[in-house]
N, C-alpha and C. Protein backbone atom coordinates (compact mmCIF):
# COMPACT_ATOMS: atom_id res chain seq x y z
N UNK A 1 -0.31 -5.51 2.69
CA UNK A 1 1.13 -5.91 2.84
C UNK A 1 2.33 -4.61 3.08
N UNK A 2 2.52 -3.91 3.77
CA UNK A 2 3.16 -2.47 3.76
C UNK A 2 4.64 -2.77 3.53
N UNK A 3 5.12 -1.86 2.00
CA UNK A 3 6.60 -2.42 1.80
C UNK A 3 7.30 -1.05 3.09
N UNK A 4 8.21 -2.14 2.83
CA UNK A 4 9.43 -1.08 3.39
C UNK A 4 9.37 0.10 3.09
N UNK A 5 9.89 1.16 4.14
CA UNK A 5 10.02 3.14 3.70
C UNK A 5 11.28 2.82 2.97
N UNK A 6 11.89 2.55 3.03
CA UNK A 6 13.74 2.93 2.69
C UNK A 6 14.58 1.05 2.36
N UNK A 7 15.75 1.57 1.42
CA UNK A 7 16.44 0.54 1.01
C UNK A 7 17.66 0.93 2.71
N UNK A 8 18.12 -0.70 2.84
CA UNK A 8 18.93 -0.51 3.68
C UNK A 8 20.16 0.21 3.23
N UNK A 9 20.46 1.42 4.32
CA UNK A 9 21.46 2.15 4.11
C UNK A 9 21.57 3.37 3.42
N UNK A 10 20.34 3.96 3.13
CA UNK A 10 19.67 4.52 2.63
C UNK A 10 19.83 5.98 3.56
N UNK A 11 19.63 5.83 4.85
CA UNK A 11 19.57 6.42 6.05
C UNK A 11 20.91 6.36 6.78
N UNK A 12 21.81 5.31 6.99
CA UNK A 12 23.69 5.32 7.37
C UNK A 12 23.22 4.24 7.99
N UNK A 13 25.17 3.98 7.81
CA UNK A 13 25.32 2.78 8.61
C UNK A 13 25.86 2.46 9.88
N UNK A 14 25.17 1.53 10.78
CA UNK A 14 26.15 2.00 12.20
C UNK A 14 27.47 1.35 12.17
N UNK A 15 28.61 1.49 12.87
CA UNK A 15 29.89 0.77 13.36
C UNK A 15 29.66 -0.92 13.31
N UNK A 16 28.76 -1.12 13.76
CA UNK A 16 28.24 -2.95 14.16
C UNK A 16 27.61 -2.97 12.84
N UNK A 17 26.97 -2.43 12.05
CA UNK A 17 26.28 -2.49 10.62
C UNK A 17 27.40 -2.91 9.82
N UNK A 18 28.34 -2.52 9.83
CA UNK A 18 29.61 -2.50 8.53
C UNK A 18 30.24 -3.74 9.07
N UNK A 19 30.53 -4.11 10.35
CA UNK A 19 31.05 -5.12 10.79
C UNK A 19 30.57 -6.32 10.30
N UNK A 20 29.20 -6.39 10.59
CA UNK A 20 28.32 -7.47 10.19
C UNK A 20 28.60 -8.15 8.72
N UNK A 21 28.30 -6.98 8.18
CA UNK A 21 28.48 -6.88 6.60
C UNK A 21 29.95 -7.67 5.99
N UNK A 22 30.87 -6.99 7.04
CA UNK A 22 32.10 -7.49 6.37
C UNK A 22 32.12 -8.75 6.47
N UNK A 23 31.45 -9.39 7.88
CA UNK A 23 31.21 -11.12 8.04
C UNK A 23 30.81 -11.45 6.88
N UNK A 24 29.31 -11.02 6.63
CA UNK A 24 28.70 -11.50 5.51
C UNK A 24 29.58 -11.51 4.21
N UNK A 25 29.90 -10.59 3.89
CA UNK A 25 30.79 -10.42 2.84
C UNK A 25 31.39 -11.25 2.26
N UNK A 26 32.20 -11.70 3.41
CA UNK A 26 33.53 -12.70 3.49
C UNK A 26 32.80 -14.33 3.16
N UNK A 27 31.69 -14.77 3.66
CA UNK A 27 31.10 -15.62 3.50
C UNK A 27 30.14 -15.89 1.92
N UNK A 28 30.31 -14.50 1.39
CA UNK A 28 29.88 -14.66 -0.15
C UNK A 28 30.81 -14.58 -1.12
N UNK A 29 31.50 -13.75 -0.79
CA UNK A 29 32.87 -14.15 -1.88
C UNK A 29 32.99 -15.40 -1.55
N UNK A 30 33.58 -16.15 -0.73
CA UNK A 30 34.16 -17.49 -0.68
C UNK A 30 33.23 -18.63 -1.26
N UNK A 31 32.16 -17.99 -1.17
CA UNK A 31 31.30 -19.32 -1.87
C UNK A 31 30.99 -19.15 -3.63
N UNK A 32 31.61 -17.69 -3.96
CA UNK A 32 30.90 -17.36 -5.34
C UNK A 32 31.79 -18.50 -6.49
N UNK A 33 31.65 -18.75 -7.22
CA UNK A 33 32.35 -19.71 -8.23
C UNK A 33 33.23 -18.49 -9.00
N UNK A 34 34.50 -18.90 -9.78
CA UNK A 34 35.27 -18.34 -10.02
C UNK A 34 34.30 -17.34 -11.50
N UNK A 35 34.39 -15.67 -11.18
CA UNK A 35 34.06 -15.42 -12.17
C UNK A 35 34.50 -14.53 -13.40
N UNK A 36 34.10 -14.71 -13.89
CA UNK A 36 34.78 -14.38 -15.75
C UNK A 36 33.74 -13.21 -16.67
N UNK A 37 33.01 -13.83 -17.25
CA UNK A 37 31.76 -13.01 -18.00
C UNK A 37 30.61 -13.33 -17.49
N UNK A 38 30.46 -13.41 -15.83
CA UNK A 38 29.21 -13.74 -15.30
C UNK A 38 28.31 -12.59 -15.92
N UNK A 39 27.26 -13.19 -14.95
CA UNK A 39 26.17 -11.86 -14.92
C UNK A 39 25.87 -12.31 -13.41
N UNK A 40 26.00 -11.22 -12.25
CA UNK A 40 25.77 -11.58 -10.98
C UNK A 40 24.43 -10.45 -10.56
N UNK A 41 23.35 -11.15 -10.03
CA UNK A 41 22.46 -10.12 -9.47
C UNK A 41 22.60 -10.23 -7.69
N UNK A 42 22.39 -9.28 -7.47
CA UNK A 42 22.34 -8.93 -5.70
C UNK A 42 20.96 -8.43 -5.58
N UNK A 43 20.03 -9.07 -4.96
CA UNK A 43 18.78 -9.13 -4.80
C UNK A 43 18.82 -8.91 -2.82
N UNK A 44 18.34 -7.42 -2.63
CA UNK A 44 18.41 -6.46 -1.62
C UNK A 44 19.96 -5.98 -1.32
N UNK A 45 20.34 -5.44 -2.24
CA UNK A 45 21.96 -4.98 -2.66
C UNK A 45 21.84 -3.49 -1.44
N UNK A 46 20.98 -3.22 -1.31
CA UNK A 46 20.98 -2.25 -0.71
C UNK A 46 21.15 -0.63 -1.11
N UNK A 47 21.35 0.17 -0.82
CA UNK A 47 21.23 1.95 -1.42
C UNK A 47 22.63 2.02 -2.16
N UNK A 48 23.62 1.22 -1.59
CA UNK A 48 25.00 1.81 -2.44
C UNK A 48 25.61 0.52 -3.19
N UNK A 49 24.72 -0.30 -2.88
CA UNK A 49 25.26 -1.83 -3.82
C UNK A 49 26.40 -1.89 -3.41
N UNK A 50 26.68 -1.99 -2.44
CA UNK A 50 28.47 -1.93 -2.27
C UNK A 50 29.29 -3.00 -2.22
N UNK A 51 28.28 -4.61 -2.34
CA UNK A 51 29.32 -5.48 -2.59
C UNK A 51 29.48 -5.23 -4.29
N UNK A 52 28.49 -5.62 -4.96
CA UNK A 52 28.43 -5.62 -6.23
C UNK A 52 29.45 -4.45 -6.63
N UNK A 53 29.65 -3.28 -6.32
CA UNK A 53 30.34 -1.70 -7.11
C UNK A 53 31.78 -2.51 -6.53
N UNK A 54 32.09 -3.36 -5.65
CA UNK A 54 32.89 -3.72 -5.29
C UNK A 54 33.79 -5.46 -6.33
N UNK A 55 32.48 -5.97 -6.71
CA UNK A 55 32.91 -7.30 -7.27
C UNK A 55 33.10 -6.33 -8.79
N UNK A 56 32.61 -5.45 -9.44
CA UNK A 56 32.19 -5.19 -10.68
C UNK A 56 33.80 -4.40 -10.79
N UNK A 57 34.61 -3.67 -9.61
CA UNK A 57 35.72 -2.56 -9.66
C UNK A 57 36.83 -4.07 -10.33
N UNK A 58 36.66 -5.27 -9.45
CA UNK A 58 37.58 -6.27 -9.26
C UNK A 58 37.80 -7.25 -10.73
N UNK A 59 35.99 -7.51 -11.14
CA UNK A 59 36.13 -8.46 -12.46
C UNK A 59 35.73 -7.75 -13.46
N UNK A 60 36.63 -6.86 -14.44
CA UNK A 60 35.94 -6.10 -15.31
C UNK A 60 35.66 -6.84 -16.75
N UNK A 61 35.08 -8.20 -16.70
CA UNK A 61 34.18 -8.55 -17.46
C UNK A 61 32.58 -9.53 -16.66
N UNK A 62 32.78 -8.51 -15.78
CA UNK A 62 31.48 -9.34 -14.80
C UNK A 62 30.16 -8.41 -15.23
N UNK A 63 29.40 -8.29 -15.49
CA UNK A 63 27.68 -7.58 -15.37
C UNK A 63 27.31 -8.03 -14.40
N UNK A 64 26.54 -6.57 -13.31
CA UNK A 64 25.87 -6.76 -12.26
C UNK A 64 24.65 -6.19 -12.58
N UNK A 65 23.60 -6.95 -11.55
CA UNK A 65 22.18 -6.42 -11.49
C UNK A 65 22.16 -6.06 -10.42
N UNK A 66 21.28 -4.64 -9.86
CA UNK A 66 21.26 -4.56 -8.03
C UNK A 66 19.55 -4.54 -8.21
N UNK A 67 19.12 -5.49 -7.22
CA UNK A 67 17.68 -5.14 -6.86
C UNK A 67 17.76 -4.21 -5.34
N UNK A 68 16.64 -3.30 -5.62
CA UNK A 68 16.31 -2.89 -4.02
C UNK A 68 15.41 -1.60 -4.44
N UNK A 69 15.03 -0.99 -3.49
CA UNK A 69 13.66 -0.03 -3.69
C UNK A 69 14.31 1.37 -3.92
N UNK A 70 15.53 1.53 -3.59
CA UNK A 70 16.27 2.85 -4.16
C UNK A 70 17.80 2.66 -4.33
N UNK A 71 18.52 3.59 -4.84
CA UNK A 71 19.89 3.74 -4.67
C UNK A 71 20.01 4.90 -4.88
N UNK A 72 21.80 5.06 -4.61
CA UNK A 72 21.92 6.49 -4.44
C UNK A 72 22.59 6.86 -5.99
N UNK A 73 22.41 8.33 -6.31
CA UNK A 73 22.36 9.19 -7.67
C UNK A 73 23.95 8.10 -8.36
N UNK A 74 24.86 8.02 -7.61
CA UNK A 74 26.74 7.88 -8.15
C UNK A 74 26.16 6.36 -9.19
N UNK A 75 25.65 5.38 -8.27
CA UNK A 75 25.28 4.55 -9.06
C UNK A 75 25.26 4.07 -10.40
N UNK A 76 24.39 5.16 -11.27
CA UNK A 76 23.95 5.05 -12.65
C UNK A 76 25.76 5.54 -13.54
N UNK A 77 26.34 5.94 -12.95
CA UNK A 77 27.64 6.15 -13.46
C UNK A 77 28.65 4.79 -13.38
N UNK A 78 27.81 3.75 -12.77
CA UNK A 78 29.23 2.36 -13.07
C UNK A 78 28.32 2.01 -14.32
N UNK A 79 29.47 1.49 -15.51
CA UNK A 79 28.70 0.81 -16.83
C UNK A 79 27.99 -0.01 -16.83
N UNK A 80 28.94 -0.82 -16.27
CA UNK A 80 28.46 -2.69 -16.10
C UNK A 80 27.26 -2.74 -14.80
N UNK A 81 26.86 -1.93 -14.39
CA UNK A 81 25.72 -2.18 -13.36
C UNK A 81 24.43 -1.39 -13.85
N UNK A 82 23.46 -2.61 -13.84
CA UNK A 82 21.90 -2.37 -14.01
C UNK A 82 21.15 -2.47 -13.03
N UNK A 83 20.33 -1.11 -12.53
CA UNK A 83 19.49 -1.00 -11.54
C UNK A 83 18.02 -1.27 -12.03
N UNK A 84 17.92 -1.93 -10.61
CA UNK A 84 16.03 -2.36 -10.35
C UNK A 84 15.67 -2.15 -9.47
N UNK A 85 14.87 -1.24 -9.52
CA UNK A 85 13.89 -0.58 -8.55
C UNK A 85 12.55 -1.41 -8.27
N UNK A 86 12.19 -2.00 -7.12
CA UNK A 86 11.08 -3.07 -7.15
C UNK A 86 11.14 -3.35 -6.07
N UNK A 87 9.94 -4.06 -5.63
CA UNK A 87 9.60 -4.90 -3.87
C UNK A 87 10.08 -6.44 -4.27
N UNK A 88 11.03 -6.86 -3.25
CA UNK A 88 11.88 -8.56 -3.75
C UNK A 88 10.19 -9.07 -3.24
N UNK A 89 9.29 -8.96 -2.69
CA UNK A 89 8.31 -9.76 -2.45
C UNK A 89 7.71 -10.18 -3.32
N UNK A 90 7.77 -9.35 -4.39
CA UNK A 90 6.83 -9.93 -6.00
C UNK A 90 7.95 -10.43 -6.78
N UNK A 91 7.86 -10.36 -7.69
CA UNK A 91 8.27 -11.42 -9.02
C UNK A 91 9.21 -10.20 -9.44
N UNK A 92 10.45 -11.01 -9.63
CA UNK A 92 11.45 -10.39 -10.27
C UNK A 92 11.93 -9.66 -11.51
N UNK A 93 11.90 -8.99 -12.05
CA UNK A 93 11.99 -8.14 -13.53
C UNK A 93 12.85 -8.68 -14.24
N UNK A 94 13.48 -10.15 -14.23
CA UNK A 94 14.02 -10.62 -15.38
C UNK A 94 13.64 -11.74 -15.76
N UNK A 95 13.79 -12.31 -17.14
CA UNK A 95 13.80 -13.40 -17.88
C UNK A 95 14.09 -14.63 -16.75
N UNK A 96 13.64 -15.38 -17.29
CA UNK A 96 13.89 -17.27 -17.06
C UNK A 96 15.21 -17.10 -17.38
N UNK A 97 16.12 -17.95 -16.26
CA UNK A 97 17.63 -18.38 -16.60
C UNK A 97 18.43 -17.46 -17.11
N UNK A 98 18.25 -16.08 -17.03
CA UNK A 98 19.26 -15.17 -17.19
C UNK A 98 20.25 -14.39 -16.42
N UNK A 99 20.35 -15.01 -15.18
CA UNK A 99 21.31 -14.77 -14.31
C UNK A 99 22.45 -15.99 -14.16
N UNK A 100 23.59 -15.68 -13.68
CA UNK A 100 24.79 -16.90 -13.77
C UNK A 100 25.18 -16.47 -12.26
N UNK A 101 24.98 -15.93 -11.20
CA UNK A 101 24.88 -15.91 -10.02
C UNK A 101 23.71 -15.28 -9.12
N UNK A 102 23.57 -15.55 -8.42
CA UNK A 102 22.33 -14.40 -7.52
C UNK A 102 22.76 -14.54 -5.65
N UNK A 103 22.99 -13.64 -5.39
CA UNK A 103 23.66 -13.65 -4.17
C UNK A 103 22.81 -12.47 -3.32
N UNK A 104 22.47 -12.65 -1.65
CA UNK A 104 21.38 -12.15 -1.15
C UNK A 104 21.97 -12.50 0.51
N UNK A 105 22.17 -10.85 0.71
CA UNK A 105 22.65 -10.72 2.19
C UNK A 105 21.64 -9.87 2.75
N UNK A 106 20.80 -11.04 3.94
CA UNK A 106 20.49 -10.39 5.18
C UNK A 106 19.11 -10.13 4.43
N UNK A 107 18.13 -10.81 3.48
CA UNK A 107 17.12 -10.32 2.84
C UNK A 107 15.79 -10.70 3.12
N UNK A 108 16.51 -12.24 2.87
CA UNK A 108 15.08 -13.31 3.53
C UNK A 108 14.52 -12.90 4.36
N UNK A 109 14.88 -12.48 5.95
CA UNK A 109 14.01 -12.23 6.75
C UNK A 109 13.24 -11.48 7.02
N UNK A 110 12.99 -10.34 5.56
CA UNK A 110 12.57 -9.26 5.73
C UNK A 110 11.39 -9.10 4.99
N UNK A 111 11.41 -10.55 4.64
CA UNK A 111 10.09 -11.07 3.22
C UNK A 111 8.91 -11.26 3.71
N UNK A 112 7.62 -10.83 3.15
CA UNK A 112 6.70 -11.80 3.51
C UNK A 112 6.19 -13.22 2.85
N UNK A 113 7.25 -12.96 1.31
CA UNK A 113 6.83 -14.35 0.80
C UNK A 113 8.25 -15.19 0.73
N UNK A 114 8.92 -15.56 1.76
CA UNK A 114 10.58 -15.93 1.75
C UNK A 114 10.07 -17.21 0.62
N UNK A 115 9.47 -17.83 0.44
CA UNK A 115 9.41 -19.15 -0.44
C UNK A 115 9.11 -18.72 -1.15
N UNK A 116 8.02 -17.90 -1.77
CA UNK A 116 8.43 -17.10 -3.55
C UNK A 116 9.72 -16.59 -3.56
N UNK A 117 9.96 -15.84 -3.02
CA UNK A 117 11.53 -15.04 -3.28
C UNK A 117 12.37 -16.35 -3.63
N UNK A 118 12.67 -17.65 -3.12
CA UNK A 118 13.86 -18.48 -3.20
C UNK A 118 13.12 -19.01 -4.63
N UNK A 119 11.85 -19.03 -4.94
CA UNK A 119 11.47 -19.90 -6.19
C UNK A 119 11.75 -19.05 -7.67
N UNK A 120 11.61 -17.51 -7.18
CA UNK A 120 11.94 -16.45 -8.08
C UNK A 120 13.71 -16.76 -8.72
N UNK A 121 14.42 -17.14 -7.51
CA UNK A 121 15.84 -17.51 -7.51
C UNK A 121 16.37 -18.15 -8.38
N UNK A 122 15.51 -19.17 -7.92
CA UNK A 122 15.74 -20.53 -8.84
C UNK A 122 15.46 -19.95 -10.38
N UNK A 123 14.22 -19.58 -10.38
CA UNK A 123 13.69 -18.99 -12.12
C UNK A 123 14.45 -18.46 -13.10
N UNK A 124 15.28 -16.86 -12.18
CA UNK A 124 15.92 -16.09 -13.20
C UNK A 124 17.73 -16.97 -13.28
N UNK A 125 17.92 -17.75 -12.39
CA UNK A 125 18.79 -18.77 -12.47
C UNK A 125 18.93 -19.39 -13.52
N UNK A 126 20.81 -19.37 -14.76
CA UNK A 126 20.48 -19.79 -15.61
C UNK A 126 20.84 -21.57 -15.14
N UNK A 127 20.90 -22.70 -16.45
CA UNK A 127 21.35 -23.94 -15.77
C UNK A 127 22.84 -23.93 -15.01
N UNK A 128 23.14 -24.41 -14.40
CA UNK A 128 24.34 -24.76 -13.55
C UNK A 128 24.87 -23.44 -12.59
N UNK A 129 23.67 -22.29 -12.56
CA UNK A 129 23.65 -20.47 -11.61
C UNK A 129 23.99 -21.39 -10.47
N UNK A 130 24.25 -20.50 -9.28
CA UNK A 130 24.70 -20.21 -7.93
C UNK A 130 23.64 -19.30 -7.41
N UNK A 131 23.55 -19.67 -6.16
CA UNK A 131 23.40 -18.72 -5.07
C UNK A 131 23.50 -18.81 -3.91
N UNK A 132 24.08 -17.88 -3.29
CA UNK A 132 24.52 -17.59 -2.32
C UNK A 132 23.90 -16.48 -1.23
N UNK A 133 23.17 -17.65 -0.28
CA UNK A 133 22.22 -16.51 0.40
C UNK A 133 22.87 -16.28 1.82
N UNK A 134 22.28 -15.31 3.21
CA UNK A 134 22.93 -15.52 4.29
C UNK A 134 21.62 -15.17 4.92
N UNK A 135 21.21 -15.20 6.22
CA UNK A 135 19.81 -14.77 6.61
C UNK A 135 20.45 -15.26 8.09
N UNK A 136 20.35 -14.64 9.17
CA UNK A 136 19.82 -14.63 10.43
C UNK A 136 19.19 -16.21 11.02
N UNK A 137 19.69 -16.95 12.09
CA UNK A 137 19.19 -18.07 12.62
C UNK A 137 18.74 -17.50 13.97
N UNK A 138 17.67 -18.26 14.11
CA UNK A 138 16.70 -18.38 15.24
C UNK A 138 17.31 -17.74 16.37
N UNK A 139 18.96 -18.62 16.70
CA UNK A 139 19.45 -17.44 18.04
C UNK A 139 20.03 -16.22 18.07
N UNK A 140 19.65 -15.56 16.92
CA UNK A 140 20.15 -14.47 16.60
C UNK A 140 19.56 -13.45 17.02
N UNK A 141 18.11 -13.76 17.22
CA UNK A 141 17.05 -12.51 17.42
C UNK A 141 17.34 -12.21 19.21
N UNK A 142 17.31 -12.97 19.88
CA UNK A 142 17.48 -11.71 21.21
C UNK A 142 18.29 -11.05 20.99
N UNK A 143 19.87 -11.19 20.78
CA UNK A 143 20.95 -10.64 21.11
C UNK A 143 20.66 -9.45 19.36
N UNK A 144 19.87 -9.61 18.86
CA UNK A 144 19.61 -8.19 17.54
C UNK A 144 18.80 -7.72 18.50
N UNK A 145 17.64 -8.02 19.25
CA UNK A 145 16.94 -7.41 19.55
C UNK A 145 17.40 -6.36 20.81
N UNK A 146 18.47 -7.17 21.59
CA UNK A 146 19.31 -6.22 22.80
C UNK A 146 19.90 -4.89 22.33
N UNK A 147 20.58 -5.11 21.16
CA UNK A 147 21.43 -4.50 20.34
C UNK A 147 20.59 -3.43 19.96
N UNK A 148 19.71 -3.70 19.41
CA UNK A 148 18.64 -2.69 18.81
C UNK A 148 17.86 -1.83 19.88
N UNK A 149 17.33 -2.25 20.66
CA UNK A 149 16.26 -1.94 21.22
C UNK A 149 16.94 -1.48 22.77
N UNK A 150 17.84 -2.09 23.25
CA UNK A 150 18.46 -2.16 24.13
C UNK A 150 19.71 -0.92 24.54
N UNK A 151 20.46 -1.15 23.68
CA UNK A 151 21.93 -0.81 23.36
C UNK A 151 21.68 0.47 22.49
N UNK A 152 20.66 0.03 21.58
CA UNK A 152 20.38 1.18 20.19
C UNK A 152 21.52 1.15 19.36
N UNK A 153 22.52 0.28 19.33
CA UNK A 153 24.08 0.57 18.37
C UNK A 153 23.19 -0.50 16.80
N UNK A 154 22.60 -0.82 16.77
CA UNK A 154 22.09 -1.14 15.33
C UNK A 154 20.37 -0.45 15.35
N UNK A 155 20.49 -0.69 13.76
CA UNK A 155 18.85 0.02 13.43
C UNK A 155 17.64 -0.61 13.95
N UNK A 156 17.03 -0.11 14.59
CA UNK A 156 15.72 -1.07 15.38
C UNK A 156 14.63 -1.37 13.96
N UNK A 157 14.37 0.07 13.58
CA UNK A 157 13.17 -0.41 12.36
C UNK A 157 13.89 -1.72 11.73
N UNK A 158 15.04 -2.01 11.32
CA UNK A 158 15.46 -3.40 10.57
C UNK A 158 15.20 -3.97 11.73
N UNK A 159 15.56 -4.51 12.75
CA UNK A 159 15.05 -5.61 13.66
C UNK A 159 13.71 -5.61 13.49
N UNK A 160 12.94 -4.53 13.75
CA UNK A 160 11.40 -4.74 14.11
C UNK A 160 11.08 -5.16 12.48
N UNK A 161 11.50 -5.17 11.29
CA UNK A 161 11.18 -5.37 10.45
C UNK A 161 11.55 -7.54 9.62
N UNK A 162 12.06 -7.62 10.71
CA UNK A 162 12.11 -8.97 10.68
C UNK A 162 11.06 -9.88 10.38
N UNK A 163 10.66 -10.91 9.79
CA UNK A 163 9.39 -11.13 9.60
C UNK A 163 9.68 -12.87 10.21
N UNK A 164 10.59 -13.66 10.04
CA UNK A 164 11.01 -14.94 10.18
C UNK A 164 12.72 -15.14 10.32
N UNK A 165 12.74 -15.95 11.23
CA UNK A 165 14.10 -16.47 11.48
C UNK A 165 14.30 -17.88 11.07
N UNK A 166 15.38 -18.26 10.42
CA UNK A 166 15.78 -19.37 9.88
C UNK A 166 16.05 -20.46 10.11
N UNK A 167 16.13 -21.49 10.41
CA UNK A 167 17.39 -22.76 10.84
C UNK A 167 18.17 -23.24 9.54
N UNK A 168 18.78 -23.77 9.10
CA UNK A 168 19.36 -24.67 8.32
C UNK A 168 18.85 -25.34 7.64
N UNK A 169 18.18 -26.27 8.73
CA UNK A 169 16.82 -27.40 8.44
C UNK A 169 16.01 -26.61 7.54
N UNK A 170 15.87 -25.44 8.05
CA UNK A 170 14.65 -24.51 7.47
C UNK A 170 14.98 -24.52 5.70
N UNK A 171 16.02 -23.81 5.87
CA UNK A 171 16.41 -23.37 4.64
C UNK A 171 16.72 -24.57 3.89
N UNK A 172 17.09 -25.38 3.80
CA UNK A 172 17.59 -26.58 2.73
C UNK A 172 16.03 -26.75 2.61
N UNK A 173 15.11 -27.29 3.28
CA UNK A 173 13.84 -27.44 2.83
C UNK A 173 12.83 -26.25 1.58
N UNK A 174 13.30 -25.14 2.00
CA UNK A 174 12.57 -24.22 1.24
C UNK A 174 13.84 -23.88 -0.06
N UNK A 175 14.88 -24.51 -0.25
CA UNK A 175 15.63 -24.67 -1.48
C UNK A 175 15.01 -25.47 -2.28
N UNK A 176 14.72 -26.66 -1.54
CA UNK A 176 14.40 -27.84 -2.61
C UNK A 176 13.13 -27.60 -2.59
N UNK A 177 11.62 -27.16 -2.12
CA UNK A 177 10.93 -26.64 -2.60
C UNK A 177 10.51 -25.38 -3.59
N UNK A 178 11.51 -24.65 -3.68
CA UNK A 178 12.02 -23.74 -4.61
C UNK A 178 12.67 -24.57 -6.17
N UNK A 179 12.90 -25.61 -6.14
CA UNK A 179 13.48 -26.63 -7.03
C UNK A 179 14.59 -27.04 -7.21
N UNK A 180 15.85 -26.45 -5.96
CA UNK A 180 17.13 -27.17 -6.15
C UNK A 180 17.16 -27.95 -5.40
N UNK A 181 18.41 -28.89 -5.89
CA UNK A 181 17.88 -30.45 -5.57
C UNK A 181 19.07 -30.50 -4.30
N UNK A 182 18.52 -30.98 -3.71
CA UNK A 182 19.10 -31.23 -1.95
C UNK A 182 20.67 -31.88 -1.98
N UNK A 183 21.11 -32.54 -3.11
CA UNK A 183 22.64 -32.62 -3.11
C UNK A 183 23.01 -31.62 -3.57
N UNK A 184 22.50 -30.31 -4.15
CA UNK A 184 23.24 -29.30 -5.13
C UNK A 184 23.14 -28.28 -3.58
N UNK A 185 22.81 -28.29 -2.55
CA UNK A 185 22.53 -27.46 -1.27
C UNK A 185 23.36 -27.36 -0.17
N UNK A 186 24.32 -26.56 0.14
CA UNK A 186 24.95 -26.91 1.18
C UNK A 186 24.44 -25.29 1.84
N UNK A 187 24.42 -25.74 3.15
CA UNK A 187 24.02 -24.85 4.34
C UNK A 187 24.86 -24.80 5.69
N UNK A 188 25.72 -23.77 6.11
CA UNK A 188 25.81 -24.00 7.29
C UNK A 188 25.90 -22.49 8.07
N UNK A 189 26.37 -22.35 9.08
CA UNK A 189 26.04 -21.16 10.03
C UNK A 189 27.45 -20.68 10.36
N UNK A 190 27.52 -19.46 10.48
CA UNK A 190 28.61 -18.69 11.05
C UNK A 190 28.40 -17.23 12.18
N UNK A 191 29.16 -16.34 12.79
CA UNK A 191 29.39 -16.04 13.50
C UNK A 191 28.38 -16.55 14.65
N UNK A 192 29.22 -17.33 15.25
CA UNK A 192 28.79 -18.49 16.64
C UNK A 192 27.39 -19.00 15.94
N UNK A 193 27.01 -19.75 15.20
CA UNK A 193 26.08 -20.09 14.81
C UNK A 193 24.68 -19.29 14.52
N UNK A 194 24.65 -17.85 14.42
CA UNK A 194 23.57 -16.93 14.60
C UNK A 194 23.47 -16.18 12.99
N UNK A 195 24.32 -16.49 12.34
CA UNK A 195 23.42 -16.63 11.07
C UNK A 195 23.89 -18.08 9.59
N UNK A 196 22.89 -17.60 9.03
CA UNK A 196 22.93 -19.13 7.72
C UNK A 196 24.06 -18.38 6.52
N UNK A 197 24.70 -19.05 6.20
CA UNK A 197 24.85 -19.10 3.92
C UNK A 197 24.65 -20.27 3.67
N UNK A 198 23.77 -20.09 2.84
CA UNK A 198 23.49 -21.45 1.82
C UNK A 198 23.67 -21.09 0.92
N UNK A 199 24.58 -22.24 0.22
CA UNK A 199 24.90 -21.87 -1.45
C UNK A 199 24.13 -23.21 -2.03
N UNK A 200 23.42 -23.12 -3.37
CA UNK A 200 22.75 -23.18 -4.20
C UNK A 200 22.84 -24.05 -5.48
N UNK A 201 23.51 -24.75 -6.30
CA UNK A 201 23.59 -24.95 -7.68
C UNK A 201 21.99 -25.36 -8.10
N UNK A 202 21.53 -24.61 -9.51
CA UNK A 202 20.71 -24.91 -10.21
C UNK A 202 21.16 -26.53 -11.15
């Protein structure tokens, strides 16, 4: 198993990367529970942990945990942000039931063991906690490859690193196997059906 060479955003974002991120971010923020004193973990937060940094800037009683392979040094100055360097294919370095909300934007498709990752999310979530996850669907594959390999306007290395593309039915089944009750799993698509968002409550 070869680990990714760097965290997303460690080199640079393209304009299209930023547009796609904004669309994913909107889906996630809309699906979050009301945030008060929650502990929220971003699994695959990116080099700049920009989603969590924005949430912490808005909600001053929330604490964040960013998981990724590397982080920009300035993030260490954010008092309510914990940085966890590690491989998301492995066991998450958090205790059972220790996190109120888990978010993960466009990470599942990069993992060797996506089912293990979802099981780890279920483990670290507190009872009543919520997971909000996005991942590309199968119909996005030819477009992403065209944008990366032909037009070269998104990072080809990122697209080459995709190991799977999941349908909504795939994701509901996988969340059920991870431990979530089917009645607590909601899956839908966005960006013309090419991306999935799943909201699952423990």
